[in-house]
């Protein structure tokens, strides 16, 4: 298993940052590797909400299923992500900060099959990727306006 952790301060209120992240359909607007994300479950976003998403890695699509296992708006979001090569369990926390919101992430990445041999490399790449994704979110939210809300 690999641990991927980090934090970033985003100059927007906690509820804005939380709501943008919690609606997984927004991720393609701040993560250029994500090619699509769709909500699979009906109703408002909360515990049990599932999304299907695809990212591109070295021109190969990687499909994933994301499910929220805990949802405490606007302070924490716990999820499980399942992919062919790995499972990821983790938490995002959102804390008020004088500059806006302190967002922290902590992921436990469990590679499957042959990927087990590459765990240190996968962890290193994962840390770089997460920093890039959340920097994209910061740039988006600190820009002119937040992404549009999707209808529930």
N, C-alpha and C. Protein backbone atom coordinates (compact mmCIF):
# COMPACT_ATOMS: atom_id res chain seq x y z
N UNK A 1 0.85 -1.17 0.00
CA UNK A 1 0.00 0.00 0.00
C UNK A 1 0.90 1.24 0.00
N UNK A 2 0.43 2.28 -0.65
CA UNK A 2 1.13 3.56 -0.69
C UNK A 2 0.24 4.63 -0.10
N UNK A 3 0.85 5.57 0.61
CA UNK A 3 0.13 6.69 1.20
C UNK A 3 0.47 7.93 0.38
N UNK A 4 -0.58 8.67 0.00
CA UNK A 4 -0.41 9.91 -0.76
C UNK A 4 -1.13 11.00 0.02
N UNK A 5 -0.35 11.99 0.49
CA UNK A 5 -0.92 13.05 1.31
C UNK A 5 -0.43 14.41 0.83
N UNK A 6 -1.22 15.42 1.12
CA UNK A 6 -0.82 16.78 0.79
C UNK A 6 -1.87 17.76 1.25
N UNK A 7 -1.58 19.03 1.01
CA UNK A 7 -2.53 20.09 1.37
C UNK A 7 -2.28 21.29 0.48
N UNK A 8 -3.32 22.13 0.40
CA UNK A 8 -3.25 23.35 -0.40
C UNK A 8 -4.23 24.35 0.20
N UNK A 9 -3.88 25.62 0.14
CA UNK A 9 -4.80 26.68 0.57
C UNK A 9 -5.40 27.29 -0.69
N UNK A 10 -6.74 27.36 -0.68
CA UNK A 10 -7.49 27.90 -1.82
C UNK A 10 -8.24 29.14 -1.34
N UNK A 11 -8.08 30.22 -2.04
CA UNK A 11 -8.66 31.50 -1.64
C UNK A 11 -10.14 31.63 -1.93
N UNK A 12 -10.91 30.70 -1.45
CA UNK A 12 -12.38 30.72 -1.58
C UNK A 12 -12.97 30.14 -0.29
N UNK A 13 -14.24 30.45 0.01
CA UNK A 13 -14.87 29.91 1.22
C UNK A 13 -14.95 28.38 1.20
N UNK A 14 -14.97 27.82 2.40
CA UNK A 14 -15.00 26.36 2.56
C UNK A 14 -16.14 25.72 1.79
N UNK A 15 -17.35 26.27 1.88
CA UNK A 15 -18.49 25.63 1.22
C UNK A 15 -18.34 25.62 -0.30
N UNK A 16 -17.72 26.66 -0.86
CA UNK A 16 -17.52 26.71 -2.31
C UNK A 16 -16.52 25.64 -2.74
N UNK A 17 -15.42 25.52 -2.00
CA UNK A 17 -14.40 24.52 -2.34
C UNK A 17 -14.99 23.11 -2.18
N UNK A 18 -15.66 22.87 -1.06
CA UNK A 18 -16.25 21.55 -0.81
C UNK A 18 -17.24 21.18 -1.91
N UNK A 19 -18.17 22.07 -2.21
CA UNK A 19 -19.21 21.76 -3.19
C UNK A 19 -18.63 21.52 -4.59
N UNK A 20 -17.59 22.26 -4.94
CA UNK A 20 -16.96 22.06 -6.24
C UNK A 20 -16.31 20.68 -6.31
N UNK A 21 -15.61 20.30 -5.26
CA UNK A 21 -14.92 19.00 -5.24
C UNK A 21 -15.92 17.86 -5.11
N UNK A 22 -16.93 18.01 -4.27
CA UNK A 22 -17.89 16.92 -4.03
C UNK A 22 -18.65 16.53 -5.28
N UNK A 23 -18.89 17.49 -6.17
CA UNK A 23 -19.55 17.14 -7.42
C UNK A 23 -18.47 16.74 -8.42
N UNK A 24 -18.19 15.48 -8.45
CA UNK A 24 -17.12 14.91 -9.27
C UNK A 24 -17.22 15.32 -10.74
N UNK A 25 -18.42 15.68 -11.18
CA UNK A 25 -18.59 16.11 -12.57
C UNK A 25 -17.82 17.38 -12.88
N UNK A 26 -17.40 18.13 -11.85
CA UNK A 26 -16.61 19.34 -12.06
C UNK A 26 -15.14 19.04 -12.34
N UNK A 27 -14.66 17.86 -11.97
CA UNK A 27 -13.21 17.62 -12.05
C UNK A 27 -12.60 17.84 -13.43
N UNK A 28 -13.26 17.49 -14.53
CA UNK A 28 -12.63 17.77 -15.82
C UNK A 28 -12.33 19.26 -16.07
N UNK A 29 -12.96 20.16 -15.31
CA UNK A 29 -12.68 21.59 -15.50
C UNK A 29 -11.37 22.01 -14.85
N UNK A 30 -10.85 21.22 -13.91
CA UNK A 30 -9.59 21.58 -13.27
C UNK A 30 -8.53 20.49 -13.35
N UNK A 31 -8.88 19.32 -13.86
CA UNK A 31 -7.92 18.23 -14.03
C UNK A 31 -7.86 17.89 -15.51
N UNK A 32 -6.84 18.37 -16.22
CA UNK A 32 -6.78 18.16 -17.67
C UNK A 32 -6.65 16.68 -18.07
N UNK A 33 -6.25 15.81 -17.14
CA UNK A 33 -6.14 14.38 -17.47
C UNK A 33 -7.50 13.69 -17.45
N UNK A 34 -8.49 14.29 -16.77
CA UNK A 34 -9.80 13.65 -16.69
C UNK A 34 -10.61 14.02 -17.93
N UNK A 35 -10.99 13.00 -18.67
CA UNK A 35 -11.70 13.24 -19.93
C UNK A 35 -13.21 13.24 -19.76
N UNK A 36 -13.73 12.58 -18.70
CA UNK A 36 -15.17 12.60 -18.45
C UNK A 36 -15.46 12.16 -17.03
N UNK A 37 -16.60 12.60 -16.54
CA UNK A 37 -17.08 12.18 -15.23
C UNK A 37 -18.60 12.30 -15.23
N UNK A 38 -19.26 11.24 -14.83
CA UNK A 38 -20.72 11.25 -14.80
C UNK A 38 -21.23 10.69 -13.48
N UNK A 39 -22.33 11.26 -13.02
CA UNK A 39 -22.97 10.81 -11.79
C UNK A 39 -23.86 9.62 -12.14
N UNK A 40 -23.71 8.54 -11.39
CA UNK A 40 -24.47 7.31 -11.67
C UNK A 40 -25.72 7.17 -10.81
N UNK A 41 -25.73 7.83 -9.66
CA UNK A 41 -26.83 7.67 -8.72
C UNK A 41 -27.77 8.87 -8.80
N UNK A 42 -29.03 8.62 -8.46
CA UNK A 42 -30.03 9.70 -8.42
C UNK A 42 -29.95 10.43 -7.09
N UNK A 43 -30.56 11.59 -7.07
CA UNK A 43 -30.67 12.34 -5.82
C UNK A 43 -29.48 13.23 -5.55
N UNK A 44 -29.53 13.89 -4.39
CA UNK A 44 -28.44 14.81 -4.03
C UNK A 44 -27.15 14.03 -3.74
N UNK A 45 -26.03 14.72 -3.82
CA UNK A 45 -24.74 14.12 -3.53
C UNK A 45 -24.62 13.89 -2.03
N UNK A 46 -24.17 12.69 -1.65
CA UNK A 46 -24.01 12.34 -0.24
C UNK A 46 -23.43 10.94 -0.14
N UNK A 47 -23.58 10.32 1.03
CA UNK A 47 -23.09 8.96 1.23
C UNK A 47 -23.76 8.04 0.21
N UNK A 48 -22.98 7.23 -0.46
CA UNK A 48 -23.50 6.30 -1.45
C UNK A 48 -23.52 6.84 -2.87
N UNK A 49 -23.27 8.13 -3.04
CA UNK A 49 -23.23 8.68 -4.40
C UNK A 49 -22.05 8.05 -5.14
N UNK A 50 -22.31 7.66 -6.40
CA UNK A 50 -21.26 7.05 -7.23
C UNK A 50 -21.11 7.83 -8.53
N UNK A 51 -19.86 7.87 -8.98
CA UNK A 51 -19.51 8.52 -10.24
C UNK A 51 -18.66 7.55 -11.05
N UNK A 52 -18.78 7.63 -12.35
CA UNK A 52 -17.88 6.92 -13.26
C UNK A 52 -17.05 7.99 -13.95
N UNK A 53 -15.73 7.80 -13.96
CA UNK A 53 -14.85 8.79 -14.56
C UNK A 53 -13.78 8.09 -15.39
N UNK A 54 -13.20 8.84 -16.31
CA UNK A 54 -12.12 8.34 -17.15
C UNK A 54 -11.02 9.37 -17.19
N UNK A 55 -9.80 8.90 -16.97
CA UNK A 55 -8.64 9.76 -17.14
C UNK A 55 -7.78 9.18 -18.26
N UNK A 56 -6.93 10.02 -18.81
CA UNK A 56 -6.02 9.58 -19.85
C UNK A 56 -4.61 9.52 -19.27
N UNK A 57 -3.97 8.39 -19.40
CA UNK A 57 -2.59 8.22 -18.94
C UNK A 57 -1.81 7.60 -20.09
N UNK A 58 -0.86 8.34 -20.57
CA UNK A 58 -0.06 7.87 -21.72
C UNK A 58 -0.95 7.41 -22.86
N UNK A 59 -1.92 8.23 -23.16
CA UNK A 59 -2.87 8.01 -24.26
C UNK A 59 -3.77 6.80 -24.06
N UNK A 60 -3.76 6.20 -22.87
CA UNK A 60 -4.65 5.08 -22.57
C UNK A 60 -5.71 5.54 -21.60
N UNK A 61 -6.96 5.21 -21.86
CA UNK A 61 -8.00 5.59 -20.89
C UNK A 61 -7.93 4.70 -19.65
N UNK A 62 -8.15 5.32 -18.51
CA UNK A 62 -8.24 4.59 -17.25
C UNK A 62 -9.63 4.87 -16.69
N UNK A 63 -10.45 3.84 -16.61
CA UNK A 63 -11.80 3.98 -16.08
C UNK A 63 -11.79 3.76 -14.57
N UNK A 64 -12.63 4.52 -13.88
CA UNK A 64 -12.71 4.38 -12.43
C UNK A 64 -14.14 4.55 -11.96
N UNK A 65 -14.43 3.91 -10.84
CA UNK A 65 -15.71 4.04 -10.17
C UNK A 65 -15.43 4.66 -8.80
N UNK A 66 -16.04 5.79 -8.52
CA UNK A 66 -15.83 6.54 -7.29
C UNK A 66 -17.11 6.48 -6.47
N UNK A 67 -17.00 6.15 -5.19
CA UNK A 67 -18.17 6.11 -4.31
C UNK A 67 -17.86 6.85 -3.02
N UNK A 68 -18.78 7.70 -2.59
CA UNK A 68 -18.62 8.42 -1.33
C UNK A 68 -19.10 7.53 -0.19
N UNK A 69 -18.21 7.29 0.77
CA UNK A 69 -18.52 6.43 1.90
C UNK A 69 -18.82 7.23 3.17
N UNK A 70 -18.45 8.50 3.16
CA UNK A 70 -18.82 9.44 4.24
C UNK A 70 -18.88 10.83 3.61
N UNK A 71 -19.80 11.64 4.11
CA UNK A 71 -20.04 12.95 3.52
C UNK A 71 -20.48 13.88 4.64
N UNK A 72 -19.62 14.80 5.01
CA UNK A 72 -19.92 15.73 6.10
C UNK A 72 -19.68 17.15 5.59
N UNK A 73 -20.69 17.69 4.89
CA UNK A 73 -20.57 19.02 4.28
C UNK A 73 -20.51 20.09 5.36
N UNK A 74 -19.57 21.02 5.28
CA UNK A 74 -18.52 21.19 4.29
C UNK A 74 -17.13 20.82 4.80
N UNK A 75 -17.04 19.87 5.73
CA UNK A 75 -15.73 19.61 6.33
C UNK A 75 -14.98 18.38 5.85
N UNK A 76 -15.67 17.33 5.41
CA UNK A 76 -14.92 16.15 4.97
C UNK A 76 -15.70 15.31 3.96
N UNK A 77 -14.93 14.64 3.14
CA UNK A 77 -15.47 13.80 2.07
C UNK A 77 -14.59 12.55 2.00
N UNK A 78 -15.18 11.38 2.24
CA UNK A 78 -14.44 10.13 2.23
C UNK A 78 -14.91 9.31 1.03
N UNK A 79 -13.96 8.73 0.31
CA UNK A 79 -14.33 8.00 -0.90
C UNK A 79 -13.48 6.75 -1.10
N UNK A 80 -14.03 5.89 -1.94
CA UNK A 80 -13.32 4.72 -2.45
C UNK A 80 -13.36 4.80 -3.96
N UNK A 81 -12.21 4.64 -4.57
CA UNK A 81 -12.10 4.64 -6.03
C UNK A 81 -11.55 3.29 -6.46
N UNK A 82 -12.25 2.66 -7.38
CA UNK A 82 -11.81 1.35 -7.89
C UNK A 82 -11.41 1.49 -9.35
N UNK A 83 -10.21 0.97 -9.65
CA UNK A 83 -9.68 0.94 -11.02
C UNK A 83 -9.13 -0.45 -11.26
N UNK A 84 -8.85 -0.78 -12.50
CA UNK A 84 -8.31 -2.09 -12.81
C UNK A 84 -6.97 -2.33 -12.11
N UNK A 85 -6.14 -1.30 -12.02
CA UNK A 85 -4.79 -1.47 -11.48
C UNK A 85 -4.67 -1.21 -9.99
N UNK A 86 -5.67 -0.56 -9.38
CA UNK A 86 -5.54 -0.19 -7.96
C UNK A 86 -6.89 0.21 -7.38
N UNK A 87 -6.95 0.16 -6.06
CA UNK A 87 -8.06 0.73 -5.31
C UNK A 87 -7.49 1.86 -4.46
N UNK A 88 -8.28 2.92 -4.31
CA UNK A 88 -7.84 4.08 -3.53
C UNK A 88 -8.93 4.40 -2.51
N UNK A 89 -8.53 4.48 -1.24
CA UNK A 89 -9.44 4.86 -0.17
C UNK A 89 -8.85 6.12 0.46
N UNK A 90 -9.70 7.11 0.70
CA UNK A 90 -9.12 8.31 1.29
C UNK A 90 -10.13 9.33 1.72
N UNK A 91 -9.56 10.41 2.24
CA UNK A 91 -10.36 11.50 2.79
C UNK A 91 -9.82 12.84 2.32
N UNK A 92 -10.75 13.72 2.05
CA UNK A 92 -10.46 15.13 1.81
C UNK A 92 -11.05 15.90 2.98
N UNK A 93 -10.29 16.82 3.55
CA UNK A 93 -10.83 17.67 4.62
C UNK A 93 -10.72 19.12 4.19
N UNK A 94 -11.66 19.92 4.66
CA UNK A 94 -11.78 21.32 4.29
C UNK A 94 -11.91 22.12 5.58
N UNK A 95 -10.94 23.01 5.83
CA UNK A 95 -10.89 23.77 7.07
C UNK A 95 -10.81 25.26 6.75
N UNK A 96 -11.59 26.09 7.45
CA UNK A 96 -11.44 27.53 7.23
C UNK A 96 -10.00 27.97 7.53
N UNK A 97 -9.52 28.89 6.73
CA UNK A 97 -8.16 29.41 6.84
C UNK A 97 -8.25 30.92 6.61
N UNK A 98 -7.38 31.72 7.23
CA UNK A 98 -7.43 33.15 6.99
C UNK A 98 -7.39 33.53 5.51
N UNK A 99 -6.75 32.68 4.70
CA UNK A 99 -6.66 32.95 3.26
C UNK A 99 -7.78 32.29 2.46
N UNK A 100 -8.70 31.58 3.12
CA UNK A 100 -9.80 30.90 2.41
C UNK A 100 -10.08 29.54 3.00
N UNK A 101 -9.59 28.50 2.33
CA UNK A 101 -9.83 27.11 2.75
C UNK A 101 -8.53 26.33 2.71
N UNK A 102 -8.24 25.62 3.79
CA UNK A 102 -7.13 24.67 3.78
C UNK A 102 -7.73 23.32 3.43
N UNK A 103 -7.35 22.78 2.29
CA UNK A 103 -7.83 21.47 1.86
C UNK A 103 -6.68 20.48 1.99
N UNK A 104 -6.96 19.37 2.67
CA UNK A 104 -5.96 18.30 2.83
C UNK A 104 -6.49 17.03 2.20
N UNK A 105 -5.57 16.23 1.65
CA UNK A 105 -5.94 14.94 1.11
C UNK A 105 -5.04 13.87 1.71
N UNK A 106 -5.61 12.70 1.90
CA UNK A 106 -4.87 11.54 2.39
C UNK A 106 -5.48 10.30 1.72
N UNK A 107 -4.70 9.68 0.86
CA UNK A 107 -5.16 8.52 0.09
C UNK A 107 -4.32 7.30 0.44
N UNK A 108 -4.96 6.17 0.60
CA UNK A 108 -4.27 4.88 0.70
C UNK A 108 -4.50 4.18 -0.62
N UNK A 109 -3.43 3.99 -1.36
CA UNK A 109 -3.50 3.39 -2.68
C UNK A 109 -3.02 1.95 -2.59
N UNK A 110 -3.87 1.02 -3.00
CA UNK A 110 -3.53 -0.40 -2.96
C UNK A 110 -3.47 -0.93 -4.39
N UNK A 111 -2.25 -1.10 -4.91
CA UNK A 111 -2.11 -1.63 -6.27
C UNK A 111 -2.58 -3.09 -6.34
N UNK A 112 -3.00 -3.49 -7.52
CA UNK A 112 -3.44 -4.86 -7.76
C UNK A 112 -2.47 -5.55 -8.71
N UNK A 113 -2.39 -6.86 -8.63
CA UNK A 113 -1.69 -7.71 -9.58
C UNK A 113 -0.23 -7.27 -9.79
N UNK A 114 0.17 -7.13 -11.02
CA UNK A 114 1.56 -6.77 -11.36
C UNK A 114 1.93 -5.38 -10.87
N UNK A 115 0.95 -4.53 -10.65
CA UNK A 115 1.23 -3.17 -10.18
C UNK A 115 1.87 -3.17 -8.80
N UNK A 116 1.73 -4.28 -8.05
CA UNK A 116 2.33 -4.36 -6.72
C UNK A 116 3.83 -4.09 -6.77
N UNK A 117 4.48 -4.53 -7.82
CA UNK A 117 5.92 -4.34 -7.94
C UNK A 117 6.29 -2.88 -8.16
N UNK A 118 5.35 -2.10 -8.63
CA UNK A 118 5.61 -0.70 -8.95
C UNK A 118 5.11 0.27 -7.88
N UNK A 119 4.76 -0.23 -6.70
CA UNK A 119 4.15 0.60 -5.67
C UNK A 119 4.95 1.88 -5.38
N UNK A 120 6.27 1.83 -5.18
CA UNK A 120 6.99 3.08 -4.91
C UNK A 120 6.88 4.09 -6.06
N UNK A 121 6.96 3.62 -7.28
CA UNK A 121 6.83 4.51 -8.43
C UNK A 121 5.40 5.08 -8.51
N UNK A 122 4.42 4.24 -8.29
CA UNK A 122 3.02 4.67 -8.34
C UNK A 122 2.77 5.74 -7.26
N UNK A 123 3.34 5.55 -6.07
CA UNK A 123 3.17 6.53 -5.00
C UNK A 123 3.80 7.87 -5.38
N UNK A 124 4.98 7.84 -5.93
CA UNK A 124 5.65 9.07 -6.35
C UNK A 124 4.85 9.79 -7.43
N UNK A 125 4.39 9.04 -8.43
CA UNK A 125 3.58 9.63 -9.49
C UNK A 125 2.26 10.17 -8.94
N UNK A 126 1.67 9.43 -8.01
CA UNK A 126 0.41 9.85 -7.40
C UNK A 126 0.54 11.16 -6.65
N UNK A 127 1.64 11.34 -5.92
CA UNK A 127 1.86 12.60 -5.20
C UNK A 127 1.96 13.78 -6.18
N UNK A 128 2.70 13.58 -7.26
CA UNK A 128 2.83 14.64 -8.27
C UNK A 128 1.49 14.93 -8.93
N UNK A 129 0.74 13.88 -9.25
CA UNK A 129 -0.56 14.04 -9.91
C UNK A 129 -1.54 14.78 -9.01
N UNK A 130 -1.62 14.39 -7.74
CA UNK A 130 -2.55 15.06 -6.82
C UNK A 130 -2.22 16.54 -6.68
N UNK A 131 -0.94 16.87 -6.57
CA UNK A 131 -0.54 18.28 -6.46
C UNK A 131 -1.00 19.04 -7.70
N UNK A 132 -0.83 18.44 -8.88
CA UNK A 132 -1.25 19.08 -10.13
C UNK A 132 -2.77 19.28 -10.17
N UNK A 133 -3.51 18.26 -9.78
CA UNK A 133 -4.98 18.34 -9.80
C UNK A 133 -5.47 19.47 -8.89
N UNK A 134 -4.98 19.49 -7.65
CA UNK A 134 -5.50 20.46 -6.69
C UNK A 134 -4.98 21.87 -6.97
N UNK A 135 -3.82 21.99 -7.61
CA UNK A 135 -3.37 23.30 -8.07
C UNK A 135 -4.29 23.80 -9.17
N UNK A 136 -4.75 22.91 -10.04
CA UNK A 136 -5.74 23.27 -11.06
C UNK A 136 -7.04 23.76 -10.44
N UNK A 137 -7.48 23.09 -9.36
CA UNK A 137 -8.69 23.53 -8.65
C UNK A 137 -8.48 24.93 -8.07
N UNK A 138 -7.34 25.14 -7.46
CA UNK A 138 -7.03 26.46 -6.88
C UNK A 138 -7.08 27.54 -7.96
N UNK A 139 -6.46 27.28 -9.09
CA UNK A 139 -6.44 28.25 -10.18
C UNK A 139 -7.86 28.53 -10.69
N UNK A 140 -8.66 27.48 -10.81
CA UNK A 140 -10.04 27.65 -11.27
C UNK A 140 -10.84 28.50 -10.29
N UNK A 141 -10.80 28.12 -9.01
CA UNK A 141 -11.65 28.79 -8.02
C UNK A 141 -11.17 30.20 -7.68
N UNK A 142 -9.90 30.46 -7.83
CA UNK A 142 -9.40 31.80 -7.55
C UNK A 142 -9.47 32.69 -8.79
N UNK A 143 -9.97 32.11 -9.89
CA UNK A 143 -10.17 32.89 -11.11
C UNK A 143 -11.44 33.72 -11.01
N UNK A 144 -11.99 34.09 -12.13
CA UNK A 144 -13.16 34.98 -12.19
C UNK A 144 -14.39 34.43 -11.49
N UNK A 145 -14.64 33.12 -11.60
CA UNK A 145 -15.84 32.56 -10.98
C UNK A 145 -15.68 31.07 -10.78
N UNK A 146 -16.47 30.52 -9.89
CA UNK A 146 -16.48 29.08 -9.65
C UNK A 146 -17.17 28.39 -10.82
N UNK A 147 -16.92 27.09 -11.00
CA UNK A 147 -17.60 26.37 -12.07
C UNK A 147 -19.10 26.35 -11.84
N UNK A 148 -19.87 26.23 -12.90
CA UNK A 148 -21.32 26.19 -12.74
C UNK A 148 -21.75 24.95 -11.96
N UNK A 149 -22.78 25.11 -11.16
CA UNK A 149 -23.32 23.96 -10.41
C UNK A 149 -24.09 23.08 -11.38
N UNK A 150 -24.01 21.78 -11.17
CA UNK A 150 -24.78 20.84 -11.97
C UNK A 150 -26.12 20.61 -11.29
N UNK A 151 -27.16 20.41 -12.03
CA UNK A 151 -28.45 20.13 -11.40
C UNK A 151 -28.40 18.79 -10.69
N UNK A 152 -29.04 18.69 -9.56
CA UNK A 152 -29.04 17.42 -8.79
C UNK A 152 -30.03 16.45 -9.37
